[in-house]
Amino acid sequence: MREFQQVVVVTGASAGVGRATARAFASRGAALGLIARGSAGLEAAAAEIEAAGGRALVLPVDVADPDQVEAAAERAERELGPIDVWVNNAFVGVFAPFWDVGPDEFRRVTEVTYLGVVNGTRAALARMRPRDRGVIVQAGSALAYRGIPLQSAYCGAKHAIVGFTESLRTELLHDGSGVKVTMVQLPALNTPQFDWVLSRLPDRPRPVPPIYQPEVAGEAVVRAALRPGRRERWIGASTAATLAAQRLAPGLLDRYLGRTGFAAQLTGEARTNGRHNLWEPRDADRDRGARGRFGDEARSRSLLPLVRPEGGLIRRTTEVAGRRMVSWHASPSRSAPRVVCVHGAGVSSRELLPLVAELGTHVHASVVDLPGFGRSDKPSRPPDLAGLAGALAGWLEAADLAPACLLGSSFGCQLAVEVAVRRPELVGALVLVGPTIDAESRTWPRLILRWLRTSVREAPGMAPLNVADYRDAGPRRTLAAFRAAMDDRPEDKLPRVQVPTLIVRGEHDRMVPPAWAEHLTRLLPDGRLATVDGAAHMVPFRRPGAMASLVTGFLGVPDVVG
């Protein structure tokens, strides 16, 4: 019987993410093989692991050398037992424009950061495949999909790891292998690398905010190893936002990073001509620890809440015109006032579930996935605005919820107005939260630019939900929904709305300028305007309690605390 629960090998284990990962595994009773070049850092990491209840084997290795990596794997199995998990994390980098990076320097970054992963994976597979079990975790980065200035060699290596890992995964699937390979894409982290990478910048380098502590990444790697069924994990809202922007508007992001990417990586402090770790380790004589010098800015956890429908809400499926529409409900009683939330373009109802839960203690609150989005059926041809509004009206009737207060969010405001104008008997009131799209942003470049400026002020969990919804809906439906939003003219319809209407915008909402919100309010026969402090575009997700208080006050229902 094995003494320890798992045998884990971690490369780059003497500092930063590798060290935090090793500690996280040790706290779960694992035996660790620690691979790195710096002997002082390795010995200190080993002491921490022993103190945490694990066992540590120090393996001084340069991962760029395949023979050294193979020998380390052989020794780890001989002294610790069969390797269960192999984590490839080691890297080096150069901070400089590409034309200031020498050929040998670029080659060295590639050999450590990319070929180090290849070498580690090869050594792990040589042992795992015959046993038909084991997990390989590649520590990636948001820069594996989106290159930024001043880190061309590192970005290139991380991109290469993605292609290599995808190819390897398909080969393992073809063979029906029990070995799993997964990748964890990490955000900017507070590690010592910014004090020991080779830099030719005038100032000391820094990570691009927001910054997370390395322990956030370490825990994420452990979770990936324990549940390797997911091919990839994105850690940190900034990672999700970056990858979403890259998918939707890569050219615009090129220009944005060309303007801001240099300054964002500089501290303003003059760089000293100290040692770097490209060729020799910086922690050979002195331990540097896991964390860097940005502790005052760094976050200790990644806020990526997955809003689960079963969290106190009731799920229902209703057939409308031969298609299933899925909805969630919360209600204190059958006689309570009815509020139906309508989600925005390309997304699902998940971003409105926190508000439904808040409202559900005082009103009958509901939210429905419109056709083509979320868990509702997806017609082969994306519906236009009239089609989506018709489906919403049909669902209100089929679910026996009319008349209701329709609460639209973003593009959902346009759908709510469309129903109020076309089918006024179904609507008792309107709440329009972040009503889009104003006349000045009805072009793709302006719309995307406003979205990018607003996204940085959203709640940390917003971006992962949006990315998942966009991916689920697919580019054709997502783009069709945004196109419908840009083609619509809500200002022509609002004068015909005959029910009381509350317009709400977040204090930091760049998608809905104050002048636009005020203009829409003046167009309404019975309109009111409210601003929610501290919120951006998605007020219901960032401030569900405050939003619920506004709605219940508007409807004359006893207030909720928020």
Protein backbone atom coordinates (compact mmCIF):
# COMPACT_ATOMS: atom_id res chain seq x y z
CA MET A 1 0.00 0.00 0.00
CA ARG A 2 1.37 3.43 -0.97
CA GLU A 3 2.23 5.79 1.85
CA PHE A 4 1.02 8.91 0.00
CA GLN A 5 -2.23 9.49 -1.88
CA GLN A 6 -0.57 10.71 -5.09
CA VAL A 7 2.84 11.08 -6.65
CA VAL A 8 3.09 14.42 -8.44
CA VAL A 9 5.95 15.95 -10.43
CA VAL A 10 5.98 19.74 -10.84
CA THR A 11 8.40 21.62 -13.08
CA GLY A 12 9.41 25.17 -12.22
CA ALA A 13 8.74 24.18 -8.60
CA SER A 14 11.23 26.44 -6.82
CA ALA A 15 9.19 29.65 -7.11
CA GLY A 16 5.99 31.25 -8.33
CA VAL A 17 3.13 29.10 -9.61
CA GLY A 18 5.14 25.89 -9.48
CA ARG A 19 5.92 26.35 -5.81
CA ALA A 20 2.34 27.28 -4.96
CA THR A 21 1.12 24.24 -6.89
CA ALA A 22 3.50 21.94 -5.04
CA ARG A 23 2.29 23.28 -1.68
CA ALA A 24 -1.33 22.81 -2.71
CA PHE A 25 -0.71 19.17 -3.62
CA ALA A 26 1.29 18.63 -0.41
CA SER A 27 -1.61 19.88 1.71
CA ARG A 28 -3.61 17.00 0.22
CA GLY A 29 -1.02 14.44 1.25
CA ALA A 30 0.89 14.06 -2.02
CA ALA A 31 4.51 13.09 -2.56
CA LEU A 32 6.21 15.70 -4.76
CA GLY A 33 9.01 15.53 -7.27
CA LEU A 34 10.30 19.11 -7.51
CA ILE A 35 11.98 20.06 -10.78
CA ALA A 36 13.80 23.39 -11.23
CA ARG A 37 17.32 24.77 -11.62
CA GLY A 38 17.71 26.80 -8.42
CA SER A 39 18.97 24.66 -5.56
CA ALA A 40 18.19 27.16 -2.77
CA GLY A 41 14.64 27.60 -4.01
CA LEU A 42 14.17 23.86 -4.36
CA GLU A 43 15.41 23.15 -0.84
CA ALA A 44 13.12 25.81 0.63
CA ALA A 45 10.15 24.46 -1.34
CA ALA A 46 10.94 20.94 -0.10
CA ALA A 47 10.97 22.15 3.51
CA GLU A 48 7.56 23.76 3.04
CA ILE A 49 6.14 20.57 1.56
CA GLU A 50 7.45 18.42 4.41
CA ALA A 51 5.95 20.88 6.89
CA ALA A 52 2.60 20.65 5.07
CA GLY A 53 2.53 16.87 5.46
CA GLY A 54 3.85 15.85 2.07
CA ARG A 55 7.09 14.27 0.94
CA ALA A 56 9.52 16.10 -1.32
CA LEU A 57 12.21 14.89 -3.69
CA VAL A 58 14.49 17.65 -5.00
CA LEU A 59 15.36 17.19 -8.69
CA PRO A 60 17.74 19.91 -10.01
CA VAL A 61 16.99 19.87 -13.74
CA ASP A 62 17.00 22.17 -16.77
CA VAL A 63 13.79 21.17 -18.56
CA ALA A 64 15.26 22.23 -21.91
CA ASP A 65 17.45 19.10 -21.72
CA PRO A 66 15.32 15.99 -22.49
CA ASP A 67 17.91 13.63 -21.00
CA GLN A 68 17.84 15.47 -17.67
CA VAL A 69 14.02 15.39 -17.63
CA GLU A 70 13.95 11.67 -18.40
CA ALA A 71 16.46 10.95 -15.64
CA ALA A 72 14.41 13.01 -13.17
CA ALA A 73 11.24 11.06 -14.05
CA GLU A 74 13.06 7.77 -13.58
CA ARG A 75 14.37 8.84 -10.18
CA ALA A 76 10.96 10.13 -9.08
CA GLU A 77 9.33 6.77 -9.80
CA ARG A 78 12.17 4.87 -8.17
CA GLU A 79 12.05 6.88 -4.93
CA LEU A 80 8.41 7.99 -4.71
CA GLY A 81 6.42 5.49 -6.75
CA PRO A 82 4.41 5.59 -10.00
CA ILE A 83 3.74 9.15 -11.14
CA ASP A 84 0.02 10.03 -11.04
CA VAL A 85 0.22 13.70 -12.07
CA TRP A 86 2.81 15.64 -14.07
CA VAL A 87 2.55 19.46 -14.09
CA ASN A 88 4.50 21.34 -16.77
CA ASN A 89 5.02 24.88 -15.54
CA ALA A 90 8.66 25.95 -16.02
CA PHE A 91 9.38 28.94 -18.25
CA VAL A 92 11.72 31.84 -18.90
CA GLY A 93 11.10 35.07 -20.79
CA VAL A 94 12.54 38.25 -22.25
CA PHE A 95 10.91 41.67 -21.86
CA ALA A 96 11.81 43.58 -25.03
CA PRO A 97 10.49 44.40 -28.48
CA PHE A 98 11.10 41.48 -30.83
CA TRP A 99 13.86 43.30 -32.72
CA ASP A 100 15.81 43.70 -29.48
CA VAL A 101 15.75 39.95 -28.68
CA GLY A 102 18.77 38.04 -29.96
CA PRO A 103 18.39 34.71 -31.83
CA ASP A 104 20.01 32.74 -28.98
CA GLU A 105 17.76 34.42 -26.45
CA PHE A 106 14.62 33.68 -28.45
CA ARG A 107 15.74 30.08 -28.90
CA ARG A 108 16.38 29.71 -25.17
CA VAL A 109 12.88 30.95 -24.26
CA THR A 110 11.40 28.49 -26.74
CA GLU A 111 13.51 25.58 -25.50
CA VAL A 112 12.53 26.11 -21.86
CA THR A 113 8.95 27.34 -22.14
CA TYR A 114 7.74 25.22 -25.07
CA LEU A 115 10.17 22.32 -25.47
CA GLY A 116 10.32 21.99 -21.69
CA VAL A 117 6.61 21.11 -21.83
CA VAL A 118 7.27 18.68 -24.68
CA ASN A 119 10.12 17.03 -22.76
CA GLY A 120 8.09 16.74 -19.56
CA THR A 121 5.09 15.37 -21.41
CA ARG A 122 7.23 12.78 -23.17
CA ALA A 123 8.75 11.58 -19.91
CA ALA A 124 5.34 11.38 -18.25
CA LEU A 125 3.70 9.52 -21.13
CA ALA A 126 6.50 6.96 -21.24
CA ARG A 127 5.35 5.88 -17.76
CA MET A 128 1.63 6.62 -17.82
CA ARG A 129 0.66 5.03 -21.15
CA PRO A 130 1.76 1.47 -20.24
CA ARG A 131 -0.30 1.78 -17.03
CA ASP A 132 -3.20 3.40 -18.95
CA ARG A 133 -3.69 6.07 -16.31
CA GLY A 134 -2.31 9.43 -15.22
CA VAL A 135 -2.90 13.15 -15.68
CA ILE A 136 -0.72 15.76 -17.39
CA VAL A 137 -1.49 19.42 -16.62
CA GLN A 138 -0.03 22.16 -18.81
CA ALA A 139 0.21 25.54 -17.07
CA GLY A 140 -0.78 27.99 -19.78
CA SER A 141 -1.69 31.65 -19.92
CA ALA A 142 -4.17 34.06 -21.39
CA LEU A 143 -1.22 34.85 -23.68
CA ALA A 144 -1.56 31.36 -25.18
CA TYR A 145 -4.39 32.80 -27.29
CA ARG A 146 -3.66 36.53 -27.28
CA GLY A 147 -0.16 37.85 -27.86
CA ILE A 148 0.88 41.13 -26.27
CA PRO A 149 3.81 43.45 -26.98
CA LEU A 150 7.23 43.02 -25.34
CA GLN A 151 6.81 39.25 -24.80
CA SER A 152 6.98 37.79 -28.31
CA ALA A 153 9.08 34.73 -27.40
CA TYR A 154 6.94 33.83 -24.39
CA CYS A 155 3.66 34.36 -26.27
CA GLY A 156 4.91 32.27 -29.18
CA ALA A 157 5.88 29.43 -26.84
CA LYS A 158 2.52 29.49 -25.05
CA HIS A 159 0.67 29.44 -28.38
CA ALA A 160 2.78 26.44 -29.40
CA ILE A 161 1.83 24.59 -26.20
CA VAL A 162 -1.85 24.89 -27.11
CA GLY A 163 -1.32 23.35 -30.54
CA PHE A 164 0.90 20.60 -29.15
CA THR A 165 -1.57 19.74 -26.39
CA GLU A 166 -4.55 19.65 -28.74
CA SER A 167 -2.70 17.33 -31.11
CA LEU A 168 -1.62 15.06 -28.27
CA ARG A 169 -5.15 14.92 -26.84
CA THR A 170 -6.58 13.70 -30.14
CA GLU A 171 -3.91 10.98 -30.35
CA LEU A 172 -4.75 9.75 -26.85
CA LEU A 173 -8.45 9.76 -27.71
CA HIS A 174 -7.75 7.79 -30.88
CA ASP A 175 -5.96 5.12 -28.86
CA GLY A 176 -8.68 5.03 -26.19
CA SER A 177 -6.02 5.86 -23.60
CA GLY A 178 -6.86 6.39 -19.95
CA VAL A 179 -4.20 9.12 -19.73
CA LYS A 180 -5.72 12.60 -19.53
CA VAL A 181 -4.15 15.89 -20.58
CA THR A 182 -5.61 19.26 -19.65
CA MET A 183 -4.52 22.89 -19.73
CA VAL A 184 -5.01 25.75 -17.28
CA GLN A 185 -4.92 29.27 -18.76
CA LEU A 186 -3.70 31.65 -16.08
CA PRO A 187 -4.02 35.43 -15.53
CA ALA A 188 -1.33 37.91 -14.48
CA LEU A 189 0.28 36.68 -11.28
CA ASN A 190 2.36 38.12 -8.46
CA THR A 191 5.47 35.96 -8.90
CA PRO A 192 9.22 36.75 -8.74
CA GLN A 193 9.57 36.49 -12.54
CA PHE A 194 9.28 40.25 -12.99
CA ASP A 195 12.50 40.70 -11.00
CA TRP A 196 14.52 38.01 -12.70
CA VAL A 197 13.54 37.76 -16.37
CA LEU A 198 15.88 39.36 -18.88
CA SER A 199 14.58 42.87 -19.59
CA ARG A 200 15.69 45.58 -22.00
CA LEU A 201 12.94 47.98 -21.00
CA PRO A 202 13.77 51.39 -19.49
CA ASP A 203 11.61 50.69 -16.40
CA ARG A 204 11.13 47.70 -14.16
CA PRO A 205 8.53 45.36 -15.69
CA ARG A 206 5.22 44.47 -14.11
CA PRO A 207 2.21 42.24 -14.81
CA VAL A 208 -0.83 43.75 -16.50
CA PRO A 209 -3.60 44.18 -13.86
CA PRO A 210 -5.66 42.62 -12.43
CA ILE A 211 -3.04 40.57 -10.61
CA TYR A 212 -3.62 37.36 -8.67
CA GLN A 213 -1.53 35.63 -6.05
CA PRO A 214 0.24 32.45 -7.26
CA GLU A 215 -1.79 30.37 -4.79
CA VAL A 216 -4.88 31.05 -6.93
CA ALA A 217 -3.11 29.39 -9.85
CA GLY A 218 -1.81 26.56 -7.65
CA GLU A 219 -5.28 25.63 -6.46
CA ALA A 220 -6.58 25.80 -10.03
CA VAL A 221 -3.91 23.36 -11.20
CA VAL A 222 -4.81 20.95 -8.41
CA ARG A 223 -8.50 21.13 -9.33
CA ALA A 224 -7.62 20.47 -12.97
CA ALA A 225 -5.58 17.42 -11.97
CA LEU A 226 -8.36 16.06 -9.78
CA ARG A 227 -11.01 16.61 -12.50
CA PRO A 228 -9.14 16.25 -15.78
CA GLY A 229 -12.26 15.69 -17.89
CA ARG A 230 -12.33 19.37 -18.89
CA ARG A 231 -9.92 20.04 -21.72
CA GLU A 232 -9.13 23.54 -20.49
CA ARG A 233 -9.80 25.91 -17.60
CA TRP A 234 -9.66 29.71 -17.65
CA ILE A 235 -8.63 31.26 -14.36
CA GLY A 236 -9.50 34.85 -13.50
CA ALA A 237 -12.10 37.09 -15.05
CA SER A 238 -9.33 38.96 -16.90
CA THR A 239 -8.36 35.74 -18.71
CA ALA A 240 -11.94 35.14 -19.81
CA ALA A 241 -12.39 38.79 -20.87
CA THR A 242 -9.15 38.75 -22.87
CA LEU A 243 -10.04 35.54 -24.68
CA ALA A 244 -13.57 36.78 -25.37
CA ALA A 245 -12.25 40.04 -26.85
CA GLN A 246 -9.75 38.11 -28.95
CA ARG A 247 -12.51 35.92 -30.33
CA LEU A 248 -14.89 38.79 -31.09
CA ALA A 249 -12.56 41.58 -32.23
CA PRO A 250 -8.91 40.55 -32.68
CA GLY A 251 -8.05 43.46 -34.96
CA LEU A 252 -9.46 46.02 -32.57
CA LEU A 253 -7.55 44.36 -29.74
CA ASP A 254 -4.34 44.59 -31.81
CA ARG A 255 -4.73 48.35 -32.03
CA TYR A 256 -5.75 48.68 -28.37
CA LEU A 257 -2.68 46.76 -27.18
CA GLY A 258 -0.49 48.69 -29.59
CA ARG A 259 -1.58 51.88 -27.79
CA THR A 260 -1.67 50.62 -24.19
CA GLY A 261 0.32 47.38 -23.99
CA PHE A 262 3.75 48.97 -23.54
CA ALA A 263 2.88 51.33 -20.69
CA ALA A 264 0.76 48.71 -18.92
CA GLN A 265 3.87 46.55 -18.39
CA LEU A 266 6.07 49.31 -16.97
CA THR A 267 6.22 50.46 -13.34
CA GLY A 268 7.75 53.90 -13.87
CA GLU A 269 10.70 52.82 -11.69
CA ALA A 270 14.12 52.82 -13.31
CA ARG A 271 15.41 49.34 -14.14
CA THR A 272 18.60 48.19 -12.43
CA ASN A 273 21.12 46.10 -14.34
CA GLY A 274 20.73 43.04 -12.14
CA ARG A 275 21.07 39.36 -12.89
CA HIS A 276 18.44 37.51 -14.89
CA ASN A 277 17.51 33.84 -15.09
CA LEU A 278 17.59 33.17 -18.83
CA TRP A 279 20.80 31.13 -18.65
CA GLU A 280 21.35 30.65 -14.92
CA PRO A 281 18.84 30.40 -12.04
CA ARG A 282 18.29 33.40 -9.78
CA ASP A 283 17.47 31.22 -6.78
CA ALA A 284 20.58 29.05 -6.80
CA ASP A 285 22.04 30.77 -3.71
CA ARG A 286 19.00 32.45 -2.15
CA ASP A 287 15.37 31.43 -1.95
CA ARG A 288 12.97 33.88 -3.62
CA GLY A 289 9.67 32.32 -2.51
CA ALA A 290 6.43 31.97 -4.46
CA ARG A 291 5.31 35.59 -4.45
CA GLY A 292 6.68 38.72 -6.06
CA ARG A 293 6.62 42.42 -5.13
CA PHE A 294 3.02 43.20 -6.15
CA GLY A 295 1.31 41.87 -3.06
CA ASP A 296 -0.55 45.11 -2.37
CA GLU A 297 -2.38 44.77 -5.70
CA ALA A 298 -2.77 41.01 -5.89
CA ARG A 299 -6.03 39.19 -5.33
CA SER A 300 -6.07 36.07 -3.20
CA ARG A 301 -8.93 34.37 -4.98
CA SER A 302 -10.47 34.17 -8.41
CA LEU A 303 -14.12 35.19 -8.39
CA LEU A 304 -15.66 33.04 -11.10
CA PRO A 305 -19.04 32.12 -9.65
CA LEU A 306 -21.04 29.63 -11.65
CA VAL A 307 -24.64 30.58 -11.05
CA ARG A 308 -26.52 27.29 -10.72
CA PRO A 309 -30.23 27.22 -11.55
CA GLU A 310 -30.93 24.69 -8.83
CA GLY A 311 -29.84 27.19 -6.17
CA GLY A 312 -33.34 27.74 -4.78
CA LEU A 313 -34.95 28.37 -8.19
CA ILE A 314 -37.51 26.22 -9.97
CA ARG A 315 -36.77 25.15 -13.54
CA ARG A 316 -39.61 24.70 -16.03
CA THR A 317 -39.82 23.75 -19.70
CA THR A 318 -42.65 25.21 -21.80
CA GLU A 319 -43.44 24.41 -25.42
CA VAL A 320 -44.04 27.45 -27.62
CA ALA A 321 -44.77 27.03 -31.33
CA GLY A 322 -43.27 23.55 -31.27
CA ARG A 323 -40.04 24.55 -29.52
CA ARG A 324 -39.03 24.11 -25.89
CA MET A 325 -38.21 27.22 -23.87
CA VAL A 326 -36.52 26.76 -20.50
CA SER A 327 -37.17 29.17 -17.63
CA TRP A 328 -36.40 29.64 -13.93
CA HIS A 329 -38.75 30.95 -11.27
CA ALA A 330 -38.83 32.10 -7.64
CA SER A 331 -41.94 33.26 -5.82
CA PRO A 332 -43.20 33.89 -2.27
CA SER A 333 -46.84 33.17 -3.26
CA ARG A 334 -49.11 32.62 -6.25
CA SER A 335 -50.70 36.05 -5.84
CA ALA A 336 -47.42 38.00 -5.86
CA PRO A 337 -46.80 40.57 -8.63
CA ARG A 338 -45.09 39.09 -11.69
CA VAL A 339 -41.70 40.23 -12.98
CA VAL A 340 -40.24 38.53 -16.05
CA CYS A 341 -36.57 39.19 -16.83
CA VAL A 342 -35.34 39.22 -20.44
CA HIS A 343 -31.66 38.57 -21.19
CA GLY A 344 -29.41 40.38 -23.64
CA ALA A 345 -27.89 39.62 -27.05
CA GLY A 346 -25.97 36.37 -27.50
CA VAL A 347 -26.24 35.37 -23.84
CA SER A 348 -28.63 33.32 -21.70
CA SER A 349 -30.65 33.86 -18.55
CA ARG A 350 -27.74 32.87 -16.29
CA GLU A 351 -26.58 36.46 -15.84
CA LEU A 352 -30.03 37.36 -14.45
CA LEU A 353 -30.39 34.46 -12.00
CA PRO A 354 -28.94 36.42 -9.03
CA LEU A 355 -31.61 39.08 -9.55
CA VAL A 356 -34.38 36.48 -9.90
CA ALA A 357 -33.29 34.96 -6.59
CA GLU A 358 -33.36 38.39 -4.90
CA LEU A 359 -36.72 39.37 -6.39
CA GLY A 360 -38.25 35.99 -5.63
CA THR A 361 -38.66 36.77 -1.95
CA HIS A 362 -41.13 39.58 -2.75
CA VAL A 363 -42.53 39.01 -6.26
CA HIS A 364 -43.06 36.13 -8.65
CA ALA A 365 -39.77 36.48 -10.55
CA SER A 366 -38.98 34.58 -13.74
CA VAL A 367 -36.38 34.51 -16.47
CA VAL A 368 -36.51 32.57 -19.74
CA ASP A 369 -33.90 31.45 -22.26
CA LEU A 370 -35.00 32.83 -25.63
CA PRO A 371 -34.92 30.51 -28.69
CA GLY A 372 -31.35 29.86 -29.79
CA PHE A 373 -29.78 30.66 -26.43
CA GLY A 374 -29.09 28.91 -23.15
CA ARG A 375 -31.00 25.69 -22.68
CA SER A 376 -33.91 26.47 -24.96
CA ASP A 377 -34.21 24.84 -28.38
CA LYS A 378 -32.08 26.33 -31.14
CA PRO A 379 -33.84 26.94 -34.46
CA SER A 380 -31.69 26.39 -37.56
CA ARG A 381 -32.16 30.02 -38.62
CA PRO A 382 -31.41 32.68 -35.98
CA PRO A 383 -34.60 34.64 -35.17
CA ASP A 384 -34.62 38.39 -35.74
CA LEU A 385 -35.87 40.90 -33.17
CA ALA A 386 -39.51 40.41 -34.18
CA GLY A 387 -39.12 36.64 -33.97
CA LEU A 388 -37.55 36.78 -30.50
CA ALA A 389 -40.22 39.22 -29.28
CA GLY A 390 -42.91 36.93 -30.69
CA ALA A 391 -41.41 33.95 -28.88
CA LEU A 392 -41.32 35.94 -25.63
CA ALA A 393 -44.96 36.94 -26.03
CA GLY A 394 -45.94 33.36 -26.80
CA TRP A 395 -44.09 32.13 -23.74
CA LEU A 396 -45.79 34.71 -21.49
CA GLU A 397 -49.15 33.36 -22.62
CA ALA A 398 -48.18 29.68 -22.43
CA ALA A 399 -46.67 30.12 -18.96
CA ASP A 400 -49.77 32.04 -17.81
CA LEU A 401 -47.69 34.97 -16.55
CA ALA A 402 -49.36 37.86 -18.35
CA PRO A 403 -49.74 40.68 -17.60
CA ALA A 404 -46.26 41.03 -16.14
CA CYS A 405 -43.63 43.64 -15.53
CA LEU A 406 -40.98 42.97 -18.19
CA LEU A 407 -37.45 43.67 -17.01
CA GLY A 408 -35.11 43.85 -19.96
CA SER A 409 -31.33 43.82 -19.67
CA SER A 410 -29.27 45.39 -22.47
CA PHE A 411 -30.72 44.04 -25.76
CA GLY A 412 -33.49 42.53 -23.63
CA CYS A 413 -34.76 46.11 -23.22
CA GLN A 414 -35.45 46.29 -26.95
CA LEU A 415 -37.32 42.99 -26.84
CA ALA A 416 -39.39 44.14 -23.85
CA VAL A 417 -40.30 47.39 -25.64
CA GLU A 418 -41.22 45.44 -28.78
CA VAL A 419 -43.63 43.24 -26.81
CA ALA A 420 -45.09 46.26 -24.97
CA VAL A 421 -45.83 47.97 -28.30
CA ARG A 422 -47.05 44.92 -30.24
CA ARG A 423 -48.86 43.10 -27.41
CA PRO A 424 -49.70 45.74 -24.77
CA GLU A 425 -52.19 43.44 -23.04
CA LEU A 426 -49.29 41.23 -21.91
CA VAL A 427 -47.33 44.01 -20.18
CA GLY A 428 -48.20 45.83 -16.97
CA ALA A 429 -44.94 47.76 -16.54
CA LEU A 430 -41.41 47.98 -17.95
CA VAL A 431 -37.99 48.12 -16.33
CA LEU A 432 -35.23 48.80 -18.87
CA VAL A 433 -31.77 48.14 -17.44
CA GLY A 434 -28.92 49.39 -19.62
CA PRO A 435 -31.10 50.08 -22.70
CA THR A 436 -29.08 49.72 -25.90
CA ILE A 437 -28.14 50.79 -28.52
CA ASP A 438 -27.72 54.56 -28.81
CA ALA A 439 -27.40 56.21 -32.20
CA GLU A 440 -23.65 56.88 -31.88
CA SER A 441 -22.67 53.22 -31.31
CA ARG A 442 -24.60 51.52 -34.11
CA THR A 443 -21.44 50.42 -35.91
CA TRP A 444 -19.34 47.38 -35.04
CA PRO A 445 -16.12 49.26 -34.14
CA ARG A 446 -17.88 51.71 -31.81
CA LEU A 447 -20.03 49.01 -30.22
CA ILE A 448 -17.05 46.75 -29.55
CA LEU A 449 -14.96 49.62 -28.20
CA ARG A 450 -17.71 50.59 -25.75
CA TRP A 451 -18.12 46.94 -24.75
CA LEU A 452 -14.39 46.64 -24.03
CA ARG A 453 -14.36 49.85 -21.98
CA THR A 454 -17.35 48.68 -19.96
CA SER A 455 -16.21 45.07 -19.47
CA VAL A 456 -13.29 46.09 -17.24
CA ARG A 457 -15.78 47.56 -14.74
CA GLU A 458 -18.08 44.53 -14.64
CA ALA A 459 -18.23 42.02 -11.80
CA PRO A 460 -15.35 39.49 -12.01
CA GLY A 461 -17.73 36.60 -12.73
CA MET A 462 -19.45 38.33 -15.64
CA ALA A 463 -16.94 37.58 -18.39
CA PRO A 464 -16.83 33.77 -17.90
CA LEU A 465 -20.62 33.59 -18.08
CA ASN A 466 -20.71 35.67 -21.25
CA VAL A 467 -17.95 33.67 -22.91
CA ALA A 468 -19.69 30.40 -22.10
CA ASP A 469 -22.97 31.73 -23.47
CA TYR A 470 -21.37 33.08 -26.67
CA ARG A 471 -19.65 29.75 -27.20
CA ASP A 472 -22.90 27.86 -26.59
CA ALA A 473 -24.94 30.06 -28.95
CA GLY A 474 -22.27 30.02 -31.63
CA PRO A 475 -20.96 32.96 -33.68
CA ARG A 476 -23.86 32.97 -36.17
CA ARG A 477 -26.59 33.40 -33.55
CA THR A 478 -24.52 35.77 -31.45
CA LEU A 479 -23.72 38.07 -34.37
CA ALA A 480 -27.32 37.92 -35.60
CA ALA A 481 -28.55 39.06 -32.18
CA PHE A 482 -26.13 41.98 -32.08
CA ARG A 483 -27.04 42.91 -35.64
CA ALA A 484 -30.72 42.94 -34.70
CA ALA A 485 -29.90 45.21 -31.75
CA MET A 486 -28.01 47.66 -33.98
CA ASP A 487 -30.76 47.74 -36.61
CA ASP A 488 -33.51 48.48 -34.07
CA ARG A 489 -34.61 52.02 -33.20
CA PRO A 490 -36.12 51.93 -29.71
CA GLU A 491 -36.40 55.73 -29.65
CA ASP A 492 -39.11 55.48 -32.34
CA LYS A 493 -41.18 53.08 -30.22
CA LEU A 494 -40.92 54.46 -26.69
CA PRO A 495 -43.49 57.26 -27.25
CA ARG A 496 -46.04 54.48 -27.93
CA VAL A 497 -45.39 52.67 -24.64
CA GLN A 498 -48.42 53.24 -22.43
CA VAL A 499 -47.27 51.54 -19.20
CA PRO A 500 -45.11 52.99 -16.38
CA THR A 501 -41.46 52.52 -17.26
CA LEU A 502 -38.29 52.68 -15.16
CA ILE A 503 -34.95 53.15 -16.93
CA VAL A 504 -31.86 52.05 -14.99
CA ARG A 505 -28.20 52.53 -15.83
CA GLY A 506 -25.04 51.71 -13.94
CA GLU A 507 -22.79 54.54 -12.80
CA HIS A 508 -19.88 53.20 -14.91
CA ASP A 509 -21.88 52.01 -17.94
CA ARG A 510 -20.06 53.08 -21.13
CA MET A 511 -22.62 51.20 -23.24
CA VAL A 512 -25.40 53.56 -22.10
CA PRO A 513 -24.19 57.19 -21.85
CA PRO A 514 -26.14 59.38 -19.40
CA ALA A 515 -27.43 61.57 -22.21
CA TRP A 516 -28.93 58.55 -24.00
CA ALA A 517 -30.67 57.32 -20.82
CA GLU A 518 -32.07 60.80 -20.19
CA HIS A 519 -33.25 61.10 -23.80
CA LEU A 520 -35.10 57.78 -23.64
CA THR A 521 -36.74 58.76 -20.36
CA ARG A 522 -38.06 61.99 -21.87
CA LEU A 523 -39.59 60.05 -24.78
CA LEU A 524 -41.75 57.95 -22.46
CA PRO A 525 -45.25 59.10 -21.52
CA ASP A 526 -44.62 57.77 -17.98
CA GLY A 527 -40.88 57.34 -17.57
CA ARG A 528 -38.47 57.52 -14.65
CA LEU A 529 -34.68 57.25 -14.49
CA ALA A 530 -32.43 55.72 -11.80
CA THR A 531 -28.66 55.26 -11.56
CA VAL A 532 -27.04 52.46 -9.55
CA ASP A 533 -23.74 53.43 -7.92
CA GLY A 534 -20.74 51.18 -8.41
CA ALA A 535 -22.25 49.21 -11.29
CA ALA A 536 -21.43 49.10 -14.99
CA HIS A 537 -23.67 47.69 -17.73
CA MET A 538 -24.81 44.49 -16.04
CA VAL A 539 -26.45 46.01 -12.95
CA PRO A 540 -28.54 42.88 -12.18
CA PHE A 541 -25.38 40.76 -11.87
CA ARG A 542 -23.16 43.26 -10.03
CA ARG A 543 -25.83 44.71 -7.70
CA PRO A 544 -28.80 42.30 -7.60
CA GLY A 545 -29.92 43.53 -4.17
CA ALA A 546 -29.92 47.19 -5.19
CA MET A 547 -31.65 46.31 -8.44
CA ALA A 548 -34.34 44.33 -6.59
CA SER A 549 -34.94 47.31 -4.28
CA LEU A 550 -35.45 49.60 -7.29
CA VAL A 551 -37.91 47.18 -8.89
CA THR A 552 -39.98 46.55 -5.78
CA GLY A 553 -40.07 50.26 -5.01
CA PHE A 554 -41.17 51.02 -8.57
CA LEU A 555 -43.95 48.41 -8.36
CA GLY A 556 -45.05 49.49 -4.89
CA VAL A 557 -44.03 46.20 -3.26
CA PRO A 558 -42.42 46.33 0.23
CA ASP A 559 -38.71 46.96 -0.20
CA VAL A 560 -35.93 44.40 0.05
CA VAL A 561 -32.58 44.92 1.70
CA GLY A 562 -29.83 45.56 -0.83
